[in-house]
Amino acid sequence: LYSRKGRLDMVRSCFEEMNEIGVQPNVTTYNTLIHAFASLDDLDSAEVAFDQLKAEGLHPNVWTYSSLMKVHLLKKDVHSVRRCFNEMLEENVLPNTITYNTMIDALGKAGLVTE
């Protein structure tokens, strides 16, 4: 809700409040956070949230990787889209339609359609 209204301050505040009252974030929480940051063009915070998720011993799922790939696509960073996709495969996370579409979009924008 806050991200739809452009309230990045409230997105951060809710996440911080969860931690303060002892509510442990899970993968879904981080996926929501990464998506919110990405939708508000705070790409660095999205990457930080992804790193935090992994640092807490949580395992990213297809939605996590797809959101992060979209972050890198927004930054026009095809190398990082590929790296993220390969990491996902190495972690035995199966891509879905969104993941493949993001990869195709990234390769197309980079002029690498034959790959």
Protein backbone atom coordinates (compact mmCIF):
# COMPACT_ATOMS: atom_id res chain seq x y z
CA LEU A 1 0.00 0.00 0.00
CA TYR A 2 2.71 2.49 0.97
CA SER A 3 4.78 1.73 -2.09
CA ARG A 4 1.78 2.36 -4.35
CA LYS A 5 1.45 5.77 -2.75
CA GLY A 6 5.17 6.50 -3.16
CA ARG A 7 5.79 6.45 0.60
CA LEU A 8 9.24 4.91 0.77
CA ASP A 9 9.65 6.36 4.26
CA MET A 10 6.66 4.33 5.47
CA VAL A 11 7.90 1.15 3.75
CA ARG A 12 11.15 1.46 5.67
CA SER A 13 9.35 2.42 8.88
CA CYS A 14 7.09 -0.66 8.78
CA PHE A 15 10.06 -2.96 8.23
CA GLU A 16 12.02 -1.35 11.08
CA GLU A 17 9.00 -1.54 13.38
CA MET A 18 8.64 -5.25 12.67
CA ASN A 19 12.23 -5.80 13.76
CA GLU A 20 11.81 -3.62 16.85
CA ILE A 21 8.84 -5.62 18.13
CA GLY A 22 10.56 -8.93 17.43
CA VAL A 23 8.73 -10.00 14.26
CA GLN A 24 11.27 -11.89 12.18
CA PRO A 25 11.03 -11.07 8.48
CA ASN A 26 10.65 -14.07 6.19
CA VAL A 27 11.21 -14.50 2.46
CA THR A 28 7.77 -13.07 1.68
CA THR A 29 8.54 -9.98 3.76
CA TYR A 30 11.79 -9.44 1.89
CA ASN A 31 10.14 -10.08 -1.48
CA THR A 32 7.59 -7.37 -0.67
CA LEU A 33 10.35 -5.04 0.44
CA ILE A 34 12.49 -5.65 -2.67
CA HIS A 35 9.47 -5.14 -4.92
CA ALA A 36 8.51 -1.92 -3.11
CA PHE A 37 12.02 -0.49 -3.39
CA ALA A 38 12.22 -1.44 -7.06
CA SER A 39 8.84 0.09 -7.87
CA LEU A 40 9.94 3.34 -6.23
CA ASP A 41 13.26 3.38 -8.13
CA ASP A 42 15.31 2.82 -4.98
CA LEU A 43 17.40 0.16 -6.63
CA ASP A 44 20.26 0.28 -4.14
CA SER A 45 17.90 -0.43 -1.23
CA ALA A 46 16.40 -3.36 -3.13
CA GLU A 47 19.87 -4.87 -3.48
CA VAL A 48 20.62 -4.23 0.21
CA ALA A 49 17.37 -6.00 1.17
CA PHE A 50 18.38 -8.99 -0.99
CA ASP A 51 21.76 -9.14 0.74
CA GLN A 52 20.07 -8.90 4.17
CA LEU A 53 17.74 -11.76 3.28
CA LYS A 54 20.71 -13.99 2.51
CA ALA A 55 22.69 -12.77 5.53
CA GLU A 56 19.81 -13.86 7.77
CA GLY A 57 20.07 -17.38 6.39
CA LEU A 58 16.88 -17.19 4.37
CA HIS A 59 16.70 -18.72 0.91
CA PRO A 60 15.53 -16.54 -1.96
CA ASN A 61 12.75 -18.03 -4.08
CA VAL A 62 11.72 -17.46 -7.68
CA TRP A 63 9.85 -14.27 -6.74
CA THR A 64 12.92 -12.89 -4.97
CA TYR A 65 15.17 -13.53 -7.93
CA SER A 66 12.61 -12.26 -10.44
CA SER A 67 12.22 -9.00 -8.52
CA LEU A 68 15.96 -8.56 -8.24
CA MET A 69 16.41 -9.28 -11.94
CA LYS A 70 13.87 -6.54 -12.68
CA VAL A 71 15.89 -4.18 -10.47
CA HIS A 72 18.99 -4.87 -12.55
CA LEU A 73 17.00 -4.54 -15.76
CA LEU A 74 15.84 -1.08 -14.65
CA LYS A 75 19.49 -0.19 -14.15
CA LYS A 76 20.21 -1.54 -17.66
CA ASP A 77 22.70 -3.93 -16.08
CA VAL A 78 22.40 -7.03 -18.26
CA HIS A 79 25.46 -8.61 -16.69
CA SER A 80 23.79 -8.53 -13.25
CA VAL A 81 20.51 -9.88 -14.69
CA ARG A 82 22.47 -12.85 -16.04
CA ARG A 83 24.43 -13.27 -12.82
CA CYS A 84 21.21 -13.29 -10.81
CA PHE A 85 19.60 -15.79 -13.20
CA ASN A 86 22.65 -18.08 -12.99
CA GLU A 87 22.73 -17.82 -9.19
CA MET A 88 19.07 -18.79 -9.10
CA LEU A 89 19.79 -21.91 -11.18
CA GLU A 90 22.81 -22.78 -9.01
CA GLU A 91 20.55 -22.59 -5.96
CA ASN A 92 18.11 -25.00 -7.66
CA VAL A 93 15.37 -22.39 -7.88
CA LEU A 94 13.31 -23.01 -10.99
CA PRO A 95 12.58 -20.00 -13.21
CA ASN A 96 8.99 -19.09 -14.04
CA THR A 97 7.43 -17.16 -16.92
CA ILE A 98 8.21 -13.81 -15.28
CA THR A 99 11.85 -14.78 -14.82
CA TYR A 100 12.22 -15.87 -18.44
CA ASN A 101 10.43 -12.75 -19.71
CA THR A 102 12.76 -10.54 -17.68
CA MET A 103 15.79 -12.39 -19.06
CA ILE A 104 14.52 -12.10 -22.64
CA ASP A 105 13.77 -8.40 -22.12
CA ALA A 106 17.28 -7.79 -20.76
CA LEU A 107 18.97 -9.64 -23.61
CA GLY A 108 16.80 -7.89 -26.19
CA LYS A 109 17.57 -4.44 -24.80
CA ALA A 110 21.27 -5.29 -24.90
CA GLY A 111 21.05 -6.46 -28.50
CA LEU A 112 21.85 -10.04 -27.52
CA VAL A 113 18.72 -11.64 -28.93
CA THR A 114 20.56 -14.68 -30.31
CA GLU A 115 21.53 -15.79 -26.80
